[in-house]
Amino acid sequence: MGRAMRLPDFILANIEPILVEWEAFARTITPGMTMDALALRDHAEDILLATALDMASSQTAAQQSDKAKGKGGRGCGPALNGASEAHAAGRLGSGFGLMEVISEYRALRASVLRLWRASSPDADERDVGDVTRFNESIDQSLSKAAGSYSRRVDESRDMFLAILSHDLRNPLNSIAMTAHMLRRPESVDAGAVGGCAAQISTNAAVMGRMIGDLLDYTRTRLGAGMPVVPAPTDLAALCRELFEEFRSAHPDREFRFDADGDANGRWDADRLRQAVSNLLGNAVQHGAASAPVGLSLKGETAGVLVTVYNGGPPIPPGELPMVFDPLVRGSAAERPRANRRGSIGLGLYIAREIARSHGGTIAVTSSEAAGTAFTMALPRQFPAGAGQPIRGTLPA
């Protein structure tokens, strides 16, 4: 037998069952698969409570019209708008895309209405009005979430472009000044010409690496993986070469190398060199100068694990999900960190995309006791179809 329970009352009385379904759906989204229950629920309870409160509040015809047109700020309490904006910011930081955030609201709407109907409530002449108010509140909440998400992405993109412009300007200015000196032979003796040419070449290479990273970033953002050409590769030999290069380039730092098991497989050696180099550069940049930087390989039956670790202050737990995304990382930082020479802050992102294009994964752990470790898991056999370039969009 049904019960005389209106929809807003049902929501307040069934917060937990609704949150269970919200959590289950959020866990099906890739970033949510590794998140705990508290993070998955995020501001969901606040959104539900604010929705029920909004549905029970009085509303004029003008306010209802504003909501229908996406201008419902005047007709909604600050709790509804604030919870939605905070939820969007949290999901952005956790790596959710905008369409994934929108899908959460779609699933929430469906869950509430399905659970309410399953409770077999007695028919009430106000039911249609309640469902209408519920949909208006969810639409308003979704509008605020999407707006908050988009604003933060735009702010992050502006910051990223500002950093890129600044970092490119330095080597360009050096090239311009050196070229200007070479145009005035009286100011440069014959012995210094070679040094000037070397400086131009070095700065051009720095700019080339930055532009290459930017092209890789754009290529993957447009939906294609890193273009890779697999061939038989001895990953242990490749990593040992990088270990020696970094040890020579940073004589004041301690480096450790360890390889265990078979490290042979079919990979793109140049791309993996780029990925491991990016991870080592990140460890040198952010690790404590007094702590060693380690590079280790472990050959397993299905593939190889490559781990780069460093000591020093741990990455805050709330920032771990966003370390691979330069836009999100930039928006969350109190102040931008200085990038190492020849880098525009895309190193971790590119390392992740290279691993993905080989059918692999990359994960990060960080704690005060163990330090920070990035582990790349690579299957020995390159999966067909991964890492295809975008045809007719960007040069390979």
Protein backbone atom coordinates (compact mmCIF):
# COMPACT_ATOMS: atom_id res chain seq x y z
CA MET A 1 0.00 0.00 0.00
CA GLY A 2 1.36 3.42 -0.91
CA ARG A 3 2.27 6.26 1.43
CA ALA A 4 1.35 9.91 1.22
CA MET A 5 4.90 11.18 0.83
CA ARG A 6 5.61 14.05 -1.51
CA LEU A 7 8.82 14.11 -3.53
CA PRO A 8 10.78 16.68 -1.44
CA ASP A 9 9.92 14.75 1.73
CA PHE A 10 10.96 11.50 0.07
CA ILE A 11 14.36 12.99 -0.82
CA LEU A 12 14.97 14.10 2.78
CA ALA A 13 13.91 10.71 4.13
CA ASN A 14 16.03 8.72 1.66
CA ILE A 15 19.31 10.62 1.45
CA GLU A 16 21.44 7.52 2.07
CA PRO A 17 19.88 5.22 -0.59
CA ILE A 18 20.18 8.03 -3.14
CA LEU A 19 23.81 8.64 -2.18
CA VAL A 20 24.57 4.93 -2.53
CA GLU A 21 23.38 5.06 -6.15
CA TRP A 22 25.27 8.32 -6.75
CA GLU A 23 28.48 6.74 -5.44
CA ALA A 24 27.99 3.58 -7.52
CA PHE A 25 27.54 5.59 -10.70
CA ALA A 26 30.51 7.89 -10.00
CA ARG A 27 32.69 4.83 -9.53
CA THR A 28 31.97 3.72 -13.12
CA ILE A 29 33.66 6.88 -14.42
CA THR A 30 37.40 6.36 -14.94
CA PRO A 31 38.74 8.92 -12.43
CA GLY A 32 36.27 7.63 -9.84
CA MET A 33 37.44 4.02 -10.00
CA THR A 34 40.26 4.67 -7.52
CA MET A 35 38.47 7.21 -5.30
CA ASP A 36 37.11 6.41 -1.84
CA ALA A 37 33.44 6.73 -0.87
CA LEU A 38 33.86 10.14 0.75
CA ALA A 39 35.47 11.62 -2.35
CA LEU A 40 32.90 10.01 -4.67
CA ARG A 41 30.01 11.48 -2.71
CA ASP A 42 31.72 14.86 -2.53
CA HIS A 43 28.96 17.53 -2.23
CA ALA A 44 26.14 15.19 -3.28
CA GLU A 45 24.38 15.31 0.10
CA ASP A 46 24.53 19.10 0.13
CA ILE A 47 23.06 19.18 -3.36
CA LEU A 48 20.20 16.87 -2.37
CA LEU A 49 19.40 18.82 0.81
CA ALA A 50 19.51 22.13 -1.06
CA THR A 51 17.31 20.68 -3.81
CA ALA A 52 14.66 19.53 -1.34
CA LEU A 53 14.78 22.90 0.42
CA ASP A 54 14.44 24.73 -2.88
CA MET A 55 11.47 22.58 -3.89
CA ALA A 56 9.69 23.34 -0.63
CA SER A 57 10.26 27.10 -0.85
CA SER A 58 7.78 29.52 -2.36
CA GLN A 59 8.37 30.56 -5.96
CA THR A 60 6.83 33.25 -8.08
CA ALA A 61 5.91 32.82 -11.72
CA ALA A 62 8.78 35.15 -12.67
CA GLN A 63 11.28 33.08 -10.69
CA GLN A 64 10.03 29.90 -12.33
CA SER A 65 10.42 31.52 -15.74
CA ASP A 66 13.96 32.59 -14.87
CA LYS A 67 14.87 29.03 -13.92
CA ALA A 68 13.46 27.66 -17.15
CA LYS A 69 15.69 30.10 -19.04
CA GLY A 70 18.81 29.22 -17.06
CA LYS A 71 18.63 32.42 -15.02
CA GLY A 72 17.49 30.90 -11.79
CA GLY A 73 19.97 32.54 -9.46
CA ARG A 74 17.33 34.88 -8.03
CA GLY A 75 14.92 32.04 -7.40
CA CYS A 76 17.37 29.65 -5.74
CA GLY A 77 18.97 29.77 -2.35
CA PRO A 78 22.75 30.16 -2.04
CA ALA A 79 23.00 26.60 -0.73
CA LEU A 80 21.91 25.07 -4.06
CA ASN A 81 24.19 27.24 -6.17
CA GLY A 82 27.13 26.99 -3.75
CA ALA A 83 27.00 23.19 -3.45
CA SER A 84 26.84 22.79 -7.22
CA GLU A 85 29.78 25.11 -7.86
CA ALA A 86 31.87 23.43 -5.15
CA HIS A 87 31.05 20.00 -6.57
CA ALA A 88 32.17 21.04 -10.06
CA ALA A 89 35.45 22.41 -8.71
CA GLY A 90 36.08 19.19 -6.81
CA ARG A 91 35.35 17.02 -9.82
CA LEU A 92 37.64 19.11 -12.02
CA GLY A 93 40.42 18.58 -9.50
CA SER A 94 39.75 14.83 -9.51
CA GLY A 95 40.09 14.58 -13.29
CA PHE A 96 36.42 14.37 -14.30
CA GLY A 97 35.52 15.85 -17.69
CA LEU A 98 32.62 18.26 -18.06
CA MET A 99 30.44 15.65 -19.79
CA GLU A 100 31.16 13.24 -16.91
CA VAL A 101 30.01 15.84 -14.39
CA ILE A 102 26.85 16.37 -16.43
CA SER A 103 26.26 12.61 -16.53
CA GLU A 104 26.29 12.54 -12.71
CA TYR A 105 23.35 14.93 -12.61
CA ARG A 106 21.52 12.91 -15.24
CA ALA A 107 22.02 9.78 -13.16
CA LEU A 108 20.96 11.60 -9.97
CA ARG A 109 17.72 12.76 -11.57
CA ALA A 110 16.93 9.24 -12.78
CA SER A 111 17.79 7.65 -9.41
CA VAL A 112 15.58 9.97 -7.36
CA LEU A 113 12.55 9.58 -9.62
CA ARG A 114 12.96 5.80 -9.91
CA LEU A 115 13.36 5.27 -6.16
CA TRP A 116 10.39 7.52 -5.42
CA ARG A 117 8.21 5.64 -7.89
CA ALA A 118 9.38 2.29 -6.48
CA SER A 119 8.18 3.40 -3.03
CA SER A 120 4.61 3.39 -4.46
CA PRO A 121 3.52 6.72 -3.00
CA ASP A 122 -0.19 7.61 -2.90
CA ALA A 123 -1.24 9.82 -5.76
CA ASP A 124 -1.31 13.52 -4.88
CA GLU A 125 -2.58 16.36 -7.00
CA ARG A 126 0.68 18.19 -6.26
CA ASP A 127 2.91 15.46 -7.71
CA VAL A 128 3.21 17.06 -11.15
CA GLY A 129 4.18 20.36 -9.57
CA ASP A 130 6.74 18.61 -7.33
CA VAL A 131 8.36 16.80 -10.27
CA THR A 132 8.45 20.08 -12.18
CA ARG A 133 10.13 21.86 -9.25
CA PHE A 134 12.58 18.96 -8.87
CA ASN A 135 13.60 19.13 -12.52
CA GLU A 136 13.95 22.92 -12.28
CA SER A 137 16.22 22.61 -9.26
CA ILE A 138 18.38 19.91 -10.86
CA ASP A 139 18.64 21.97 -14.05
CA GLN A 140 19.65 25.02 -12.03
CA SER A 141 22.22 23.01 -10.09
CA LEU A 142 23.61 21.56 -13.32
CA SER A 143 23.80 25.02 -14.89
CA LYS A 144 25.80 26.35 -11.94
CA ALA A 145 28.10 23.31 -11.97
CA ALA A 146 28.80 23.60 -15.70
CA GLY A 147 29.44 27.33 -15.40
CA SER A 148 31.82 26.88 -12.47
CA TYR A 149 33.69 24.07 -14.26
CA SER A 150 34.05 26.08 -17.48
CA ARG A 151 35.25 29.20 -15.68
CA ARG A 152 37.96 27.31 -13.86
CA VAL A 153 39.13 25.59 -17.05
CA ASP A 154 39.26 28.96 -18.83
CA GLU A 155 41.27 30.47 -15.98
CA SER A 156 43.65 27.51 -16.04
CA ARG A 157 44.06 27.74 -19.80
CA ASP A 158 44.88 31.45 -19.55
CA MET A 159 47.48 30.70 -16.87
CA PHE A 160 48.96 27.90 -18.96
CA LEU A 161 49.25 30.16 -22.03
CA ALA A 162 50.84 32.92 -19.93
CA ILE A 163 53.45 30.49 -18.58
CA LEU A 164 54.07 29.14 -22.08
CA SER A 165 54.57 32.64 -23.48
CA HIS A 166 56.95 33.54 -20.68
CA ASP A 167 59.00 30.36 -20.99
CA LEU A 168 59.29 30.65 -24.77
CA ARG A 169 60.27 34.31 -24.57
CA ASN A 170 63.47 33.67 -22.60
CA PRO A 171 65.28 31.46 -25.16
CA LEU A 172 63.89 33.59 -28.00
CA ASN A 173 65.33 36.75 -26.43
CA SER A 174 68.68 35.00 -26.01
CA ILE A 175 68.71 33.99 -29.67
CA ALA A 176 67.78 37.53 -30.77
CA MET A 177 70.48 39.16 -28.64
CA THR A 178 73.16 36.74 -29.82
CA ALA A 179 72.14 37.21 -33.45
CA HIS A 180 72.29 40.98 -32.98
CA MET A 181 75.82 40.70 -31.64
CA LEU A 182 76.90 38.59 -34.61
CA ARG A 183 75.63 41.30 -36.96
CA ARG A 184 78.21 43.64 -35.42
CA PRO A 185 81.58 41.95 -36.04
CA GLU A 186 83.45 44.68 -34.19
CA SER A 187 81.77 43.64 -30.91
CA VAL A 188 82.59 39.93 -31.21
CA ASP A 189 86.10 38.55 -31.55
CA ALA A 190 86.73 35.57 -33.78
CA GLY A 191 87.06 33.21 -30.85
CA ALA A 192 83.62 34.06 -29.51
CA VAL A 193 81.75 33.33 -32.74
CA GLY A 194 81.68 29.62 -32.05
CA GLY A 195 80.29 30.24 -28.55
CA CYS A 196 77.56 32.48 -29.94
CA ALA A 197 76.59 29.86 -32.50
CA ALA A 198 76.47 27.20 -29.78
CA GLN A 199 74.25 29.43 -27.64
CA ILE A 200 71.82 29.95 -30.52
CA SER A 201 71.77 26.23 -31.19
CA THR A 202 71.14 25.41 -27.51
CA ASN A 203 68.29 27.88 -27.18
CA ALA A 204 66.75 26.74 -30.46
CA ALA A 205 66.80 23.16 -29.14
CA VAL A 206 65.09 24.34 -25.92
CA MET A 207 62.35 26.02 -27.94
CA GLY A 208 62.06 22.96 -30.15
CA ARG A 209 61.41 20.73 -27.13
CA MET A 210 58.78 23.12 -25.82
CA ILE A 211 56.99 23.29 -29.15
CA GLY A 212 57.22 19.51 -29.54
CA ASP A 213 55.60 19.07 -26.12
CA LEU A 214 52.87 21.50 -27.06
CA LEU A 215 52.15 19.64 -30.30
CA ASP A 216 51.98 16.34 -28.42
CA TYR A 217 49.62 17.90 -25.90
CA THR A 218 47.38 19.29 -28.63
CA ARG A 219 47.39 16.00 -30.52
CA THR A 220 46.21 14.01 -27.51
CA ARG A 221 43.64 16.63 -26.48
CA LEU A 222 42.11 16.28 -29.93
CA GLY A 223 41.47 12.62 -29.22
CA ALA A 224 44.41 10.67 -30.68
CA GLY A 225 47.08 8.89 -28.73
CA MET A 226 50.77 9.55 -29.12
CA PRO A 227 52.00 8.27 -32.49
CA VAL A 228 54.35 5.40 -31.69
CA VAL A 229 56.38 2.98 -33.79
CA PRO A 230 57.04 -0.27 -31.87
CA ALA A 231 60.21 -2.27 -32.35
CA PRO A 232 62.23 -4.73 -30.25
CA THR A 233 63.64 -2.69 -27.35
CA ASP A 234 65.90 -3.41 -24.40
CA LEU A 235 64.33 -1.13 -21.81
CA ALA A 236 67.05 -1.80 -19.26
CA ALA A 237 69.75 -0.53 -21.63
CA LEU A 238 67.66 2.52 -22.52
CA CYS A 239 67.07 3.39 -18.86
CA ARG A 240 70.71 2.88 -17.95
CA GLU A 241 71.70 5.40 -20.66
CA LEU A 242 69.26 7.94 -19.21
CA PHE A 243 70.55 7.23 -15.71
CA GLU A 244 74.11 8.00 -16.80
CA GLU A 245 72.99 11.15 -18.65
CA PHE A 246 71.16 12.56 -15.63
CA ARG A 247 73.96 11.62 -13.26
CA SER A 248 76.44 13.51 -15.45
CA ALA A 249 74.13 16.51 -15.84
CA HIS A 250 73.50 16.75 -12.07
CA PRO A 251 76.77 15.85 -10.33
CA ASP A 252 75.50 17.36 -7.07
CA ARG A 253 72.61 14.88 -6.84
CA GLU A 254 72.63 11.19 -5.90
CA PHE A 255 71.10 8.80 -8.44
CA ARG A 256 70.36 5.10 -8.04
CA PHE A 257 69.59 2.51 -10.68
CA ASP A 258 68.30 -1.03 -10.35
CA ALA A 259 67.05 -3.56 -12.92
CA ASP A 260 65.57 -6.95 -12.14
CA GLY A 261 64.24 -9.51 -14.60
CA ASP A 262 63.69 -9.44 -18.35
CA ALA A 263 63.17 -5.89 -19.66
CA ASN A 264 62.78 -6.68 -23.35
CA GLY A 265 59.64 -6.01 -25.37
CA ARG A 266 58.17 -4.22 -28.39
CA TRP A 267 57.98 -0.49 -27.71
CA ASP A 268 58.80 2.83 -29.29
CA ALA A 269 62.25 3.46 -27.83
CA ASP A 270 62.27 7.21 -28.58
CA ARG A 271 58.89 7.74 -26.93
CA LEU A 272 59.83 5.71 -23.86
CA ARG A 273 63.08 7.65 -23.60
CA GLN A 274 60.97 10.81 -23.62
CA ALA A 275 58.62 9.47 -20.92
CA VAL A 276 61.34 8.24 -18.56
CA SER A 277 63.35 11.42 -19.11
CA ASN A 278 60.29 13.49 -18.17
CA LEU A 279 59.82 11.46 -14.99
CA LEU A 280 63.48 11.81 -14.02
CA GLY A 281 63.40 15.54 -14.74
CA ASN A 282 60.32 15.89 -12.56
CA ALA A 283 62.04 13.98 -9.73
CA VAL A 284 65.12 16.21 -9.94
CA GLN A 285 63.02 19.36 -10.03
CA HIS A 286 60.64 18.59 -7.17
CA GLY A 287 62.64 16.14 -5.03
CA ALA A 288 64.71 17.18 -2.04
CA ALA A 289 68.33 17.94 -3.02
CA SER A 290 69.56 15.79 -0.12
CA ALA A 291 67.51 12.74 -1.16
CA PRO A 292 68.44 10.29 -3.95
CA VAL A 293 66.59 10.04 -7.23
CA GLY A 294 65.94 6.42 -8.12
CA LEU A 295 65.15 4.60 -11.36
CA SER A 296 64.21 0.94 -11.17
CA LEU A 297 62.89 -1.70 -13.55
CA LYS A 298 61.15 -4.95 -12.74
CA GLY A 299 60.48 -7.50 -15.44
CA GLU A 300 57.30 -9.52 -14.96
CA THR A 301 55.58 -12.15 -17.08
CA ALA A 302 53.16 -9.78 -18.79
CA GLY A 303 55.28 -6.66 -18.91
CA VAL A 304 57.76 -4.35 -17.24
CA LEU A 305 57.36 -1.89 -14.37
CA VAL A 306 59.44 1.30 -14.57
CA THR A 307 59.55 3.33 -11.34
CA VAL A 308 61.09 6.75 -10.76
CA TYR A 309 61.16 7.92 -7.15
CA ASN A 310 62.47 10.81 -5.10
CA GLY A 311 62.43 12.03 -1.53
CA GLY A 312 61.20 15.32 -0.20
CA PRO A 313 57.83 16.81 0.75
CA PRO A 314 54.95 14.57 -0.38
CA ILE A 315 52.31 15.63 -2.87
CA PRO A 316 49.16 16.59 -0.91
CA PRO A 317 46.54 13.79 -1.21
CA GLY A 318 44.04 16.18 -2.77
CA GLU A 319 46.47 17.00 -5.57
CA LEU A 320 47.43 13.43 -6.49
CA PRO A 321 44.56 12.92 -8.99
CA MET A 322 45.52 16.08 -10.88
CA VAL A 323 49.31 15.82 -11.16
CA PHE A 324 49.12 14.58 -14.77
CA ASP A 325 46.90 17.43 -16.03
CA PRO A 326 48.77 20.74 -16.43
CA LEU A 327 45.58 22.81 -16.67
CA VAL A 328 44.01 21.42 -13.52
CA ARG A 329 47.32 21.41 -11.66
CA GLY A 330 47.87 25.04 -12.57
CA SER A 331 44.42 26.10 -11.38
CA ALA A 332 44.86 24.39 -8.02
CA ALA A 333 48.32 25.69 -7.25
CA GLU A 334 48.71 28.69 -4.98
CA ARG A 335 51.43 29.92 -7.30
CA PRO A 336 52.90 28.38 -10.46
CA ARG A 337 56.10 26.41 -9.95
CA ALA A 338 59.05 27.33 -12.08
CA ASN A 339 59.52 24.83 -14.88
CA ARG A 340 62.90 23.33 -15.61
CA ARG A 341 64.72 24.58 -18.68
CA GLY A 342 63.18 23.29 -21.90
CA SER A 343 59.91 22.36 -20.18
CA ILE A 344 56.47 23.99 -20.20
CA GLY A 345 55.05 21.81 -17.45
CA LEU A 346 53.72 19.06 -19.70
CA GLY A 347 56.22 16.37 -18.76
CA LEU A 348 53.96 14.24 -16.56
CA TYR A 349 51.02 14.58 -18.91
CA ILE A 350 53.11 13.44 -21.88
CA ALA A 351 54.57 10.54 -19.89
CA ARG A 352 51.04 9.37 -19.09
CA GLU A 353 49.93 9.62 -22.72
CA ILE A 354 53.00 7.71 -23.92
CA ALA A 355 52.22 4.93 -21.44
CA ARG A 356 48.60 4.85 -22.62
CA SER A 357 49.63 4.70 -26.26
CA HIS A 358 51.61 1.56 -25.43
CA GLY A 359 48.56 0.02 -23.76
CA GLY A 360 50.09 0.74 -20.35
CA THR A 361 49.35 2.83 -17.30
CA ILE A 362 51.14 5.20 -14.97
CA ALA A 363 50.36 5.73 -11.29
CA VAL A 364 51.73 7.91 -8.50
CA THR A 365 52.10 7.40 -4.76
CA SER A 366 53.43 9.95 -2.31
CA SER A 367 54.04 9.98 1.43
CA GLU A 368 56.37 11.58 3.95
CA ALA A 369 58.03 8.27 4.77
CA ALA A 370 58.39 6.69 1.31
CA GLY A 371 58.70 9.81 -0.86
CA THR A 372 57.09 10.16 -4.27
CA ALA A 373 57.10 7.38 -6.86
CA PHE A 374 55.77 7.28 -10.41
CA THR A 375 55.32 3.73 -11.75
CA MET A 376 54.77 3.04 -15.44
CA ALA A 377 53.41 -0.42 -16.29
CA LEU A 378 54.11 -1.47 -19.90
CA PRO A 379 52.86 -4.67 -21.57
CA ARG A 380 55.58 -6.42 -23.56
CA GLN A 381 53.51 -6.63 -26.72
CA PHE A 382 52.33 -3.39 -28.25
CA PRO A 383 48.50 -3.44 -28.63
CA ALA A 384 47.32 -2.94 -32.21
CA GLY A 385 45.67 0.39 -32.89
CA ALA A 386 47.08 2.33 -29.92
CA GLY A 387 48.78 5.63 -30.46
CA GLN A 388 47.45 6.45 -33.91
CA PRO A 389 48.26 9.95 -35.17
CA ILE A 390 45.57 12.42 -36.17
CA ARG A 391 45.31 12.38 -39.94
CA GLY A 392 45.30 15.75 -41.65
CA THR A 393 45.39 17.72 -38.39
CA LEU A 394 48.93 17.90 -37.12
CA PRO A 395 52.32 16.93 -38.51
CA ALA A 396 53.60 13.61 -37.24
